[in-house]
Amino acid sequence: MKSPMRYLLACGAIAALTLTGCGVLSGGGESSPEGAGGDPVNGGKVEAGKSKPRKTIASQDVTVQGADLHFAVHDLARRGKTVELTFSVSNTGKKEIELGTAFIDGNVLSDDRGTIAGVKLIDPGNGKVHLVARDSQKRCVCTGPKYGEPLEGGDSILMSGTYGAPPKDVEEMNVSIPKAGTLNDVPLS
């Protein structure tokens, strides 16, 4: 019969080797490879590539703080009990703008900078406003612009948020985006 202490030491050694091998325990201050965890490599900005452009189902052009912006909703997709909103903001002018607090309003938490927590989905037929989902620590279940990083002329950023789904018979919703206004009758897919 093996002693309990030897058994525990053997299990501990196996666990340490396993965690080291998958990068959970890094040795000697090694940095993680670019793009592994943390902030995205491109800071969430959309970079031009050879892929097809995203389909736009609703859009609006506005000027915010002197910067010309194009807001485009690409998807409003029902996924069971939730709806996923995906949209982009493109700076079509030359003046840069910092968007880190552009998508929050007076009804959100102070740590919502760099999120789209102020973007709402509106179900006008049922008189309901859907706020972005929150995790168990009350953080926005969404992506957003990096706080303090400007969106320069010609750049775009892709963002998304998760919301509670409306009743199954709802086929369109309004998307209310601070600084851009409301895009009406956006189809749910």
N, C-alpha and C. Protein backbone atom coordinates (compact mmCIF):
# COMPACT_ATOMS: atom_id res chain seq x y z
N MET A 1 0.84 -1.18 0.00
CA MET A 1 0.00 0.00 0.00
C MET A 1 0.88 1.24 0.00
N LYS A 2 0.55 2.22 -0.87
CA LYS A 2 1.33 3.45 -0.95
C LYS A 2 0.98 4.37 0.21
N SER A 3 1.99 5.14 0.64
CA SER A 3 1.70 6.07 1.72
C SER A 3 0.93 7.26 1.16
N PRO A 4 0.01 7.83 1.95
CA PRO A 4 -0.80 8.96 1.48
C PRO A 4 0.07 10.17 1.09
N MET A 5 1.17 10.39 1.79
CA MET A 5 2.03 11.53 1.50
C MET A 5 2.68 11.38 0.13
N ARG A 6 3.20 10.17 -0.18
CA ARG A 6 3.80 9.95 -1.50
C ARG A 6 2.76 10.11 -2.59
N TYR A 7 1.56 9.65 -2.36
CA TYR A 7 0.47 9.76 -3.33
C TYR A 7 0.16 11.24 -3.59
N LEU A 8 0.05 12.05 -2.54
CA LEU A 8 -0.23 13.48 -2.69
C LEU A 8 0.90 14.19 -3.43
N LEU A 9 2.14 13.85 -3.11
CA LEU A 9 3.29 14.47 -3.80
C LEU A 9 3.29 14.11 -5.28
N ALA A 10 2.99 12.86 -5.60
CA ALA A 10 2.94 12.44 -7.00
C ALA A 10 1.83 13.18 -7.75
N CYS A 11 0.65 13.30 -7.14
CA CYS A 11 -0.47 14.02 -7.76
C CYS A 11 -0.12 15.50 -7.96
N GLY A 12 0.53 16.09 -6.97
CA GLY A 12 0.94 17.50 -7.07
C GLY A 12 1.93 17.71 -8.20
N ALA A 13 2.89 16.79 -8.34
CA ALA A 13 3.89 16.91 -9.41
C ALA A 13 3.23 16.78 -10.78
N ILE A 14 2.30 15.86 -10.92
CA ILE A 14 1.59 15.69 -12.20
C ILE A 14 0.78 16.94 -12.52
N ALA A 15 0.09 17.50 -11.53
CA ALA A 15 -0.72 18.71 -11.74
C ALA A 15 0.18 19.88 -12.15
N ALA A 16 1.32 20.05 -11.49
CA ALA A 16 2.22 21.15 -11.83
C ALA A 16 2.75 21.01 -13.25
N LEU A 17 3.13 19.80 -13.63
CA LEU A 17 3.61 19.59 -15.00
C LEU A 17 2.51 19.87 -16.02
N THR A 18 1.31 19.42 -15.72
CA THR A 18 0.18 19.64 -16.63
C THR A 18 -0.10 21.13 -16.79
N LEU A 19 -0.17 21.86 -15.69
CA LEU A 19 -0.47 23.29 -15.74
C LEU A 19 0.65 24.07 -16.40
N THR A 20 1.89 23.67 -16.18
CA THR A 20 3.01 24.34 -16.84
C THR A 20 2.96 24.10 -18.34
N GLY A 21 2.63 22.90 -18.74
CA GLY A 21 2.57 22.55 -20.16
C GLY A 21 1.50 23.31 -20.90
N CYS A 22 0.37 23.64 -20.25
CA CYS A 22 -0.68 24.38 -20.95
C CYS A 22 -0.61 25.86 -20.68
N GLY A 23 0.48 26.32 -20.06
CA GLY A 23 0.71 27.75 -19.95
C GLY A 23 0.08 28.41 -18.74
N VAL A 24 -0.62 27.66 -17.88
CA VAL A 24 -1.23 28.28 -16.71
C VAL A 24 -0.16 28.73 -15.74
N LEU A 25 0.83 27.89 -15.54
CA LEU A 25 1.96 28.27 -14.70
C LEU A 25 3.13 28.57 -15.63
N SER A 26 3.49 29.85 -15.74
CA SER A 26 4.61 30.17 -16.63
C SER A 26 5.87 30.23 -15.81
N GLY A 27 6.94 29.83 -16.40
CA GLY A 27 8.21 29.79 -15.68
C GLY A 27 9.04 31.03 -15.89
N GLY A 28 9.56 31.59 -14.80
CA GLY A 28 10.57 32.63 -14.84
C GLY A 28 10.19 33.90 -15.58
N GLY A 29 8.98 34.36 -15.47
CA GLY A 29 8.61 35.65 -16.04
C GLY A 29 8.48 35.66 -17.54
N GLU A 30 8.27 34.52 -18.15
CA GLU A 30 8.07 34.49 -19.60
C GLU A 30 6.80 35.22 -19.94
N SER A 31 6.80 35.95 -21.03
CA SER A 31 5.57 36.62 -21.43
C SER A 31 4.78 35.67 -22.31
N SER A 32 3.45 35.87 -22.28
CA SER A 32 2.61 35.00 -23.09
C SER A 32 2.68 35.44 -24.53
N PRO A 33 2.44 34.52 -25.47
CA PRO A 33 2.50 34.86 -26.88
C PRO A 33 1.47 35.93 -27.21
N GLU A 34 1.78 36.72 -28.23
CA GLU A 34 0.87 37.79 -28.63
C GLU A 34 -0.49 37.20 -28.95
N GLY A 35 -1.54 37.82 -28.38
CA GLY A 35 -2.90 37.36 -28.63
C GLY A 35 -3.39 36.31 -27.66
N ALA A 36 -2.54 35.80 -26.75
CA ALA A 36 -2.98 34.77 -25.82
C ALA A 36 -3.52 35.43 -24.57
N GLY A 37 -4.83 35.47 -24.42
CA GLY A 37 -5.45 36.08 -23.26
C GLY A 37 -5.29 37.59 -23.26
N GLY A 38 -5.83 38.27 -22.27
CA GLY A 38 -5.68 39.71 -22.15
C GLY A 38 -6.34 40.45 -23.30
N ASP A 39 -5.79 41.60 -23.62
CA ASP A 39 -6.34 42.42 -24.69
C ASP A 39 -6.09 41.79 -26.04
N PRO A 40 -7.03 41.98 -26.98
CA PRO A 40 -6.80 41.44 -28.32
C PRO A 40 -5.60 42.10 -28.97
N VAL A 41 -4.96 41.37 -29.86
CA VAL A 41 -3.75 41.84 -30.52
C VAL A 41 -3.99 43.19 -31.19
N ASN A 42 -5.13 43.35 -31.84
CA ASN A 42 -5.39 44.58 -32.58
C ASN A 42 -6.24 45.56 -31.79
N GLY A 43 -6.37 45.37 -30.49
CA GLY A 43 -7.12 46.29 -29.66
C GLY A 43 -8.60 46.34 -30.01
N GLY A 44 -9.11 45.32 -30.69
CA GLY A 44 -10.51 45.27 -31.08
C GLY A 44 -10.82 46.00 -32.38
N LYS A 45 -9.81 46.62 -32.98
CA LYS A 45 -10.03 47.35 -34.22
C LYS A 45 -10.17 46.38 -35.39
N VAL A 46 -11.03 46.76 -36.32
CA VAL A 46 -11.22 45.96 -37.52
C VAL A 46 -10.12 46.34 -38.50
N GLU A 47 -9.40 45.37 -38.98
CA GLU A 47 -8.33 45.64 -39.93
C GLU A 47 -8.72 45.12 -41.30
N ALA A 48 -8.36 45.88 -42.30
CA ALA A 48 -8.68 45.49 -43.68
C ALA A 48 -8.01 44.17 -43.99
N GLY A 49 -8.70 43.37 -44.74
CA GLY A 49 -8.17 42.08 -45.12
C GLY A 49 -8.81 41.61 -46.40
N LYS A 50 -8.58 40.36 -46.74
CA LYS A 50 -9.11 39.82 -47.97
C LYS A 50 -10.49 39.21 -47.79
N SER A 51 -10.99 39.19 -46.55
CA SER A 51 -12.30 38.61 -46.32
C SER A 51 -13.39 39.54 -46.85
N LYS A 52 -14.56 38.97 -47.04
CA LYS A 52 -15.68 39.75 -47.53
C LYS A 52 -16.12 40.74 -46.45
N PRO A 53 -16.58 41.92 -46.84
CA PRO A 53 -17.08 42.86 -45.83
C PRO A 53 -18.35 42.30 -45.18
N ARG A 54 -18.57 42.69 -43.94
CA ARG A 54 -19.76 42.25 -43.24
C ARG A 54 -21.00 42.88 -43.84
N LYS A 55 -22.08 42.14 -43.84
CA LYS A 55 -23.36 42.65 -44.30
C LYS A 55 -23.83 43.72 -43.31
N THR A 56 -24.41 44.80 -43.80
CA THR A 56 -24.96 45.85 -42.96
C THR A 56 -26.48 45.79 -43.05
N ILE A 57 -27.15 45.69 -41.87
CA ILE A 57 -28.61 45.62 -41.89
C ILE A 57 -29.25 46.94 -41.44
N ALA A 58 -28.47 47.86 -40.88
CA ALA A 58 -28.93 49.20 -40.52
C ALA A 58 -27.71 50.07 -40.32
N SER A 59 -27.81 51.36 -40.68
CA SER A 59 -26.65 52.23 -40.49
C SER A 59 -27.08 53.67 -40.29
N GLN A 60 -26.16 54.46 -39.78
CA GLN A 60 -26.41 55.87 -39.51
C GLN A 60 -25.08 56.60 -39.52
N ASP A 61 -25.06 57.78 -40.15
CA ASP A 61 -23.89 58.65 -40.14
C ASP A 61 -24.14 59.81 -39.20
N VAL A 62 -23.17 60.08 -38.32
CA VAL A 62 -23.30 61.17 -37.35
C VAL A 62 -21.95 61.87 -37.18
N THR A 63 -22.00 63.06 -36.63
CA THR A 63 -20.79 63.77 -36.25
C THR A 63 -20.79 63.87 -34.73
N VAL A 64 -19.73 63.37 -34.10
CA VAL A 64 -19.60 63.38 -32.65
C VAL A 64 -18.29 64.06 -32.30
N GLN A 65 -18.35 65.12 -31.51
CA GLN A 65 -17.16 65.86 -31.09
C GLN A 65 -16.30 66.23 -32.29
N GLY A 66 -16.94 66.60 -33.39
CA GLY A 66 -16.23 67.02 -34.60
C GLY A 66 -15.72 65.89 -35.48
N ALA A 67 -15.93 64.64 -35.07
CA ALA A 67 -15.47 63.49 -35.86
C ALA A 67 -16.66 62.90 -36.63
N ASP A 68 -16.46 62.59 -37.90
CA ASP A 68 -17.50 61.99 -38.73
C ASP A 68 -17.46 60.48 -38.56
N LEU A 69 -18.57 59.92 -38.10
CA LEU A 69 -18.63 58.49 -37.79
C LEU A 69 -19.75 57.81 -38.56
N HIS A 70 -19.51 56.56 -38.93
CA HIS A 70 -20.51 55.72 -39.58
C HIS A 70 -20.77 54.53 -38.66
N PHE A 71 -22.01 54.42 -38.17
CA PHE A 71 -22.42 53.30 -37.33
C PHE A 71 -23.13 52.30 -38.22
N ALA A 72 -22.74 51.03 -38.15
CA ALA A 72 -23.36 49.99 -38.98
C ALA A 72 -23.69 48.77 -38.11
N VAL A 73 -24.97 48.40 -38.08
CA VAL A 73 -25.39 47.17 -37.39
C VAL A 73 -25.23 46.03 -38.39
N HIS A 74 -24.46 45.02 -38.00
CA HIS A 74 -24.19 43.89 -38.88
C HIS A 74 -25.04 42.66 -38.57
N ASP A 75 -25.43 42.52 -37.30
CA ASP A 75 -26.19 41.34 -36.94
C ASP A 75 -26.96 41.60 -35.65
N LEU A 76 -28.17 41.13 -35.60
CA LEU A 76 -28.99 41.11 -34.41
C LEU A 76 -29.58 39.70 -34.37
N ALA A 77 -28.84 38.80 -33.72
CA ALA A 77 -29.12 37.37 -33.84
C ALA A 77 -29.68 36.79 -32.56
N ARG A 78 -30.84 36.14 -32.68
CA ARG A 78 -31.45 35.44 -31.56
C ARG A 78 -30.68 34.13 -31.34
N ARG A 79 -30.31 33.87 -30.10
CA ARG A 79 -29.60 32.65 -29.74
C ARG A 79 -30.25 32.10 -28.46
N GLY A 80 -31.34 31.36 -28.65
CA GLY A 80 -32.06 30.83 -27.49
C GLY A 80 -32.71 31.94 -26.69
N LYS A 81 -32.28 32.10 -25.44
CA LYS A 81 -32.86 33.11 -24.56
C LYS A 81 -32.13 34.45 -24.63
N THR A 82 -31.17 34.57 -25.55
CA THR A 82 -30.42 35.82 -25.68
C THR A 82 -30.45 36.32 -27.13
N VAL A 83 -30.05 37.58 -27.27
CA VAL A 83 -29.86 38.20 -28.58
C VAL A 83 -28.47 38.79 -28.59
N GLU A 84 -27.72 38.57 -29.67
CA GLU A 84 -26.36 39.10 -29.82
C GLU A 84 -26.40 40.22 -30.85
N LEU A 85 -26.01 41.42 -30.43
CA LEU A 85 -25.91 42.58 -31.31
C LEU A 85 -24.46 42.74 -31.72
N THR A 86 -24.20 42.85 -33.03
CA THR A 86 -22.86 43.12 -33.53
C THR A 86 -22.94 44.36 -34.40
N PHE A 87 -22.09 45.35 -34.09
CA PHE A 87 -22.07 46.57 -34.89
C PHE A 87 -20.65 47.12 -34.95
N SER A 88 -20.44 48.02 -35.90
CA SER A 88 -19.13 48.65 -36.03
C SER A 88 -19.29 50.15 -36.08
N VAL A 89 -18.20 50.83 -35.73
CA VAL A 89 -18.11 52.28 -35.87
C VAL A 89 -16.88 52.55 -36.71
N SER A 90 -17.07 53.32 -37.77
CA SER A 90 -15.95 53.71 -38.64
C SER A 90 -15.79 55.22 -38.58
N ASN A 91 -14.56 55.66 -38.42
CA ASN A 91 -14.26 57.08 -38.45
C ASN A 91 -14.02 57.44 -39.91
N THR A 92 -15.00 58.08 -40.53
CA THR A 92 -14.92 58.40 -41.96
C THR A 92 -14.27 59.74 -42.22
N GLY A 93 -13.94 60.46 -41.17
CA GLY A 93 -13.29 61.76 -41.32
C GLY A 93 -11.81 61.68 -41.00
N LYS A 94 -11.25 62.84 -40.69
CA LYS A 94 -9.82 62.91 -40.37
C LYS A 94 -9.55 63.13 -38.89
N LYS A 95 -10.54 63.65 -38.15
CA LYS A 95 -10.34 63.94 -36.74
C LYS A 95 -10.49 62.67 -35.91
N GLU A 96 -9.51 62.40 -35.05
CA GLU A 96 -9.61 61.22 -34.18
C GLU A 96 -10.59 61.51 -33.05
N ILE A 97 -11.12 60.43 -32.49
CA ILE A 97 -12.06 60.55 -31.37
C ILE A 97 -11.81 59.40 -30.40
N GLU A 98 -11.93 59.70 -29.11
CA GLU A 98 -11.78 58.67 -28.08
C GLU A 98 -13.19 58.19 -27.75
N LEU A 99 -13.46 56.90 -27.95
CA LEU A 99 -14.79 56.34 -27.78
C LEU A 99 -14.98 55.58 -26.47
N GLY A 100 -14.01 55.61 -25.57
CA GLY A 100 -14.06 54.80 -24.35
C GLY A 100 -15.26 55.04 -23.47
N THR A 101 -15.84 56.25 -23.51
CA THR A 101 -17.04 56.52 -22.71
C THR A 101 -18.23 56.90 -23.60
N ALA A 102 -18.10 56.74 -24.89
CA ALA A 102 -19.15 57.16 -25.82
C ALA A 102 -20.41 56.31 -25.75
N PHE A 103 -20.30 55.08 -25.30
CA PHE A 103 -21.44 54.16 -25.35
C PHE A 103 -22.01 53.84 -23.97
N ILE A 104 -21.76 54.73 -23.02
CA ILE A 104 -22.37 54.57 -21.70
C ILE A 104 -23.24 55.79 -21.45
N ASP A 105 -24.17 55.65 -20.53
CA ASP A 105 -25.02 56.77 -20.17
C ASP A 105 -25.21 56.78 -18.67
N GLY A 106 -26.11 57.58 -18.17
CA GLY A 106 -26.29 57.74 -16.73
C GLY A 106 -26.83 56.52 -16.01
N ASN A 107 -27.23 55.48 -16.72
CA ASN A 107 -27.83 54.31 -16.07
C ASN A 107 -26.88 53.13 -15.98
N VAL A 108 -25.60 53.36 -16.04
CA VAL A 108 -24.65 52.25 -16.02
C VAL A 108 -23.66 52.40 -14.87
N LEU A 109 -22.92 51.35 -14.61
CA LEU A 109 -21.95 51.34 -13.52
C LEU A 109 -20.72 52.15 -13.88
N SER A 110 -20.01 52.65 -12.87
CA SER A 110 -18.84 53.49 -13.12
C SER A 110 -17.71 52.74 -13.81
N ASP A 111 -17.66 51.42 -13.71
CA ASP A 111 -16.59 50.66 -14.36
C ASP A 111 -16.98 50.19 -15.76
N ASP A 112 -17.95 50.85 -16.37
CA ASP A 112 -18.38 50.48 -17.71
C ASP A 112 -17.61 51.22 -18.81
N ARG A 113 -16.60 51.98 -18.44
CA ARG A 113 -15.78 52.63 -19.47
C ARG A 113 -15.19 51.56 -20.37
N GLY A 114 -15.14 51.84 -21.67
CA GLY A 114 -14.60 50.88 -22.60
C GLY A 114 -15.57 49.76 -22.94
N THR A 115 -16.87 49.98 -22.68
CA THR A 115 -17.88 48.98 -23.02
C THR A 115 -19.01 49.66 -23.80
N ILE A 116 -19.96 48.87 -24.23
CA ILE A 116 -21.15 49.42 -24.89
C ILE A 116 -22.37 49.27 -23.98
N ALA A 117 -22.16 49.39 -22.67
CA ALA A 117 -23.22 49.15 -21.69
C ALA A 117 -24.43 50.07 -21.88
N GLY A 118 -24.27 51.21 -22.50
CA GLY A 118 -25.39 52.13 -22.71
C GLY A 118 -26.21 51.84 -23.95
N VAL A 119 -25.79 50.89 -24.78
CA VAL A 119 -26.54 50.53 -25.99
C VAL A 119 -27.73 49.67 -25.57
N LYS A 120 -28.91 50.06 -26.04
CA LYS A 120 -30.14 49.37 -25.64
C LYS A 120 -30.85 48.79 -26.85
N LEU A 121 -31.56 47.70 -26.64
CA LEU A 121 -32.46 47.15 -27.64
C LEU A 121 -33.88 47.48 -27.17
N ILE A 122 -34.69 47.98 -28.09
CA ILE A 122 -36.05 48.39 -27.74
C ILE A 122 -37.04 47.54 -28.51
N ASP A 123 -38.00 46.99 -27.78
CA ASP A 123 -39.10 46.22 -28.34
C ASP A 123 -40.34 47.11 -28.26
N PRO A 124 -40.59 47.91 -29.31
CA PRO A 124 -41.70 48.88 -29.22
C PRO A 124 -43.07 48.22 -29.14
N GLY A 125 -43.24 47.07 -29.74
CA GLY A 125 -44.53 46.38 -29.71
C GLY A 125 -44.95 45.94 -28.32
N ASN A 126 -43.98 45.59 -27.49
CA ASN A 126 -44.26 45.14 -26.12
C ASN A 126 -43.88 46.18 -25.08
N GLY A 127 -43.37 47.34 -25.54
CA GLY A 127 -43.01 48.41 -24.61
C GLY A 127 -41.89 48.04 -23.66
N LYS A 128 -40.90 47.30 -24.16
CA LYS A 128 -39.79 46.85 -23.31
C LYS A 128 -38.45 47.39 -23.81
N VAL A 129 -37.59 47.74 -22.86
CA VAL A 129 -36.23 48.14 -23.17
C VAL A 129 -35.32 47.05 -22.62
N HIS A 130 -34.44 46.53 -23.48
CA HIS A 130 -33.52 45.46 -23.08
C HIS A 130 -32.13 46.06 -22.88
N LEU A 131 -31.62 45.94 -21.65
CA LEU A 131 -30.27 46.40 -21.33
C LEU A 131 -29.29 45.27 -21.55
N VAL A 132 -28.04 45.61 -21.73
CA VAL A 132 -27.01 44.61 -21.95
C VAL A 132 -26.95 43.66 -20.75
N ALA A 133 -26.67 42.39 -21.02
CA ALA A 133 -26.57 41.38 -19.97
C ALA A 133 -25.36 41.68 -19.07
N ARG A 134 -25.44 41.20 -17.85
CA ARG A 134 -24.36 41.35 -16.87
C ARG A 134 -23.96 39.97 -16.35
N ASP A 135 -22.66 39.82 -16.08
CA ASP A 135 -22.20 38.55 -15.50
C ASP A 135 -22.39 38.59 -13.99
N SER A 136 -21.91 37.57 -13.29
CA SER A 136 -22.13 37.47 -11.85
C SER A 136 -21.41 38.58 -11.07
N GLN A 137 -20.44 39.25 -11.70
CA GLN A 137 -19.75 40.36 -11.04
C GLN A 137 -20.23 41.71 -11.57
N LYS A 138 -21.40 41.70 -12.23
CA LYS A 138 -22.07 42.89 -12.75
C LYS A 138 -21.30 43.57 -13.88
N ARG A 139 -20.43 42.81 -14.57
CA ARG A 139 -19.71 43.36 -15.72
C ARG A 139 -20.55 43.16 -16.97
N CYS A 140 -20.45 44.11 -17.86
CA CYS A 140 -21.14 44.07 -19.14
C CYS A 140 -20.69 42.85 -19.95
N VAL A 141 -21.65 42.08 -20.47
CA VAL A 141 -21.33 40.95 -21.35
C VAL A 141 -21.27 41.53 -22.75
N CYS A 142 -20.14 42.16 -23.03
CA CYS A 142 -20.00 42.90 -24.28
C CYS A 142 -18.53 43.21 -24.55
N THR A 143 -18.29 43.71 -25.74
CA THR A 143 -16.98 44.25 -26.07
C THR A 143 -17.18 45.73 -26.30
N GLY A 144 -16.11 46.43 -26.47
CA GLY A 144 -16.23 47.86 -26.72
C GLY A 144 -14.90 48.48 -27.04
N PRO A 145 -14.89 49.78 -27.21
CA PRO A 145 -13.64 50.47 -27.53
C PRO A 145 -12.71 50.48 -26.33
N LYS A 146 -11.43 50.42 -26.56
CA LYS A 146 -10.46 50.45 -25.47
C LYS A 146 -10.41 51.86 -24.90
N TYR A 147 -10.63 51.98 -23.61
CA TYR A 147 -10.66 53.28 -22.96
C TYR A 147 -9.31 53.99 -23.12
N GLY A 148 -9.37 55.23 -23.57
CA GLY A 148 -8.16 56.03 -23.72
C GLY A 148 -7.47 55.89 -25.05
N GLU A 149 -7.93 54.98 -25.91
CA GLU A 149 -7.30 54.78 -27.22
C GLU A 149 -8.18 55.41 -28.29
N PRO A 150 -7.66 56.38 -29.03
CA PRO A 150 -8.49 57.07 -30.02
C PRO A 150 -8.76 56.21 -31.26
N LEU A 151 -9.90 56.51 -31.89
CA LEU A 151 -10.25 55.92 -33.18
C LEU A 151 -9.85 56.97 -34.21
N GLU A 152 -8.81 56.67 -34.95
CA GLU A 152 -8.26 57.64 -35.91
C GLU A 152 -9.05 57.61 -37.21
N GLY A 153 -8.90 58.67 -37.99
CA GLY A 153 -9.56 58.75 -39.28
C GLY A 153 -9.23 57.53 -40.13
N GLY A 154 -10.25 56.94 -40.73
CA GLY A 154 -10.06 55.75 -41.57
C GLY A 154 -10.11 54.44 -40.81
N ASP A 155 -10.10 54.47 -39.46
CA ASP A 155 -10.14 53.25 -38.66
C ASP A 155 -11.57 52.85 -38.34
N SER A 156 -11.76 51.58 -38.04
CA SER A 156 -13.06 51.03 -37.62
C SER A 156 -12.85 50.14 -36.42
N ILE A 157 -13.92 49.95 -35.66
CA ILE A 157 -13.89 49.04 -34.53
C ILE A 157 -15.19 48.24 -34.54
N LEU A 158 -15.07 46.95 -34.27
CA LEU A 158 -16.21 46.04 -34.23
C LEU A 158 -16.55 45.76 -32.77
N MET A 159 -17.84 45.84 -32.42
CA MET A 159 -18.27 45.64 -31.04
C MET A 159 -19.48 44.73 -30.99
N SER A 160 -19.71 44.13 -29.82
CA SER A 160 -20.88 43.27 -29.67
C SER A 160 -21.36 43.30 -28.23
N GLY A 161 -22.64 42.94 -28.07
CA GLY A 161 -23.24 42.87 -26.75
C GLY A 161 -24.30 41.79 -26.72
N THR A 162 -24.53 41.22 -25.55
CA THR A 162 -25.52 40.18 -25.37
C THR A 162 -26.68 40.74 -24.53
N TYR A 163 -27.89 40.43 -24.96
CA TYR A 163 -29.11 40.95 -24.33
C TYR A 163 -30.09 39.81 -24.11
N GLY A 164 -31.04 40.00 -23.20
CA GLY A 164 -32.13 39.06 -23.05
C GLY A 164 -33.01 39.12 -24.29
N ALA A 165 -33.48 37.97 -24.74
CA ALA A 165 -34.28 37.92 -25.97
C ALA A 165 -35.72 38.38 -25.70
N PRO A 166 -36.31 39.02 -26.69
CA PRO A 166 -37.73 39.36 -26.60
C PRO A 166 -38.56 38.10 -26.87
N PRO A 167 -39.89 38.20 -26.75
CA PRO A 167 -40.73 37.04 -27.08
C PRO A 167 -40.47 36.57 -28.52
N LYS A 168 -40.74 35.29 -28.76
CA LYS A 168 -40.42 34.67 -30.05
C LYS A 168 -41.13 35.32 -31.24
N ASP A 169 -42.27 35.96 -31.02
CA ASP A 169 -42.99 36.57 -32.14
C ASP A 169 -42.41 37.93 -32.56
N VAL A 170 -41.46 38.45 -31.81
CA VAL A 170 -40.83 39.73 -32.17
C VAL A 170 -39.81 39.48 -33.28
N GLU A 171 -39.98 40.16 -34.40
CA GLU A 171 -39.11 39.98 -35.56
C GLU A 171 -38.17 41.15 -35.80
N GLU A 172 -38.44 42.30 -35.18
CA GLU A 172 -37.60 43.49 -35.34
C GLU A 172 -37.48 44.20 -34.01
N MET A 173 -36.34 44.87 -33.82
CA MET A 173 -36.13 45.68 -32.63
C MET A 173 -35.47 46.99 -33.05
N ASN A 174 -35.60 48.00 -32.20
CA ASN A 174 -34.88 49.24 -32.41
C ASN A 174 -33.58 49.15 -31.62
N VAL A 175 -32.50 49.69 -32.18
CA VAL A 175 -31.20 49.69 -31.51
C VAL A 175 -30.86 51.13 -31.17
N SER A 176 -30.79 51.44 -29.88
CA SER A 176 -30.50 52.79 -29.41
C SER A 176 -29.03 52.86 -28.99
N ILE A 177 -28.27 53.68 -29.71
CA ILE A 177 -26.83 53.80 -29.46
C ILE A 177 -26.53 55.23 -29.03
N PRO A 178 -26.01 55.43 -27.80
CA PRO A 178 -25.66 56.78 -27.39
C PRO A 178 -24.76 57.45 -28.44
N LYS A 179 -24.99 58.68 -28.71
CA LYS A 179 -24.27 59.52 -29.68
C LYS A 179 -24.71 59.28 -31.13
N ALA A 180 -25.36 58.13 -31.43
CA ALA A 180 -25.77 57.83 -32.80
C ALA A 180 -27.27 57.91 -32.99
N GLY A 181 -28.02 57.84 -31.91
CA GLY A 181 -29.47 57.85 -32.02
C GLY A 181 -30.01 56.43 -32.07
N THR A 182 -31.24 56.32 -32.59
CA THR A 182 -31.91 55.03 -32.65
C THR A 182 -32.06 54.57 -34.08
N LEU A 183 -31.66 53.34 -34.32
CA LEU A 183 -31.85 52.72 -35.63
C LEU A 183 -33.09 51.85 -35.51
N ASN A 184 -34.14 52.20 -36.23
CA ASN A 184 -35.44 51.55 -36.09
C ASN A 184 -35.59 50.32 -36.98
N ASP A 185 -36.43 49.40 -36.50
CA ASP A 185 -36.86 48.23 -37.26
C ASP A 185 -35.71 47.38 -37.78
N VAL A 186 -34.75 47.10 -36.90
CA VAL A 186 -33.62 46.25 -37.24
C VAL A 186 -34.08 44.79 -37.15
N PRO A 187 -33.97 44.01 -38.24
CA PRO A 187 -34.49 42.64 -38.21
C PRO A 187 -33.67 41.71 -37.32
N LEU A 188 -34.38 40.85 -36.59
CA LEU A 188 -33.76 39.78 -35.80
C LEU A 188 -33.56 38.58 -36.71
N SER A 189 -32.41 37.96 -36.64
CA SER A 189 -32.17 36.77 -37.46
C SER A 189 -32.24 35.53 -36.60
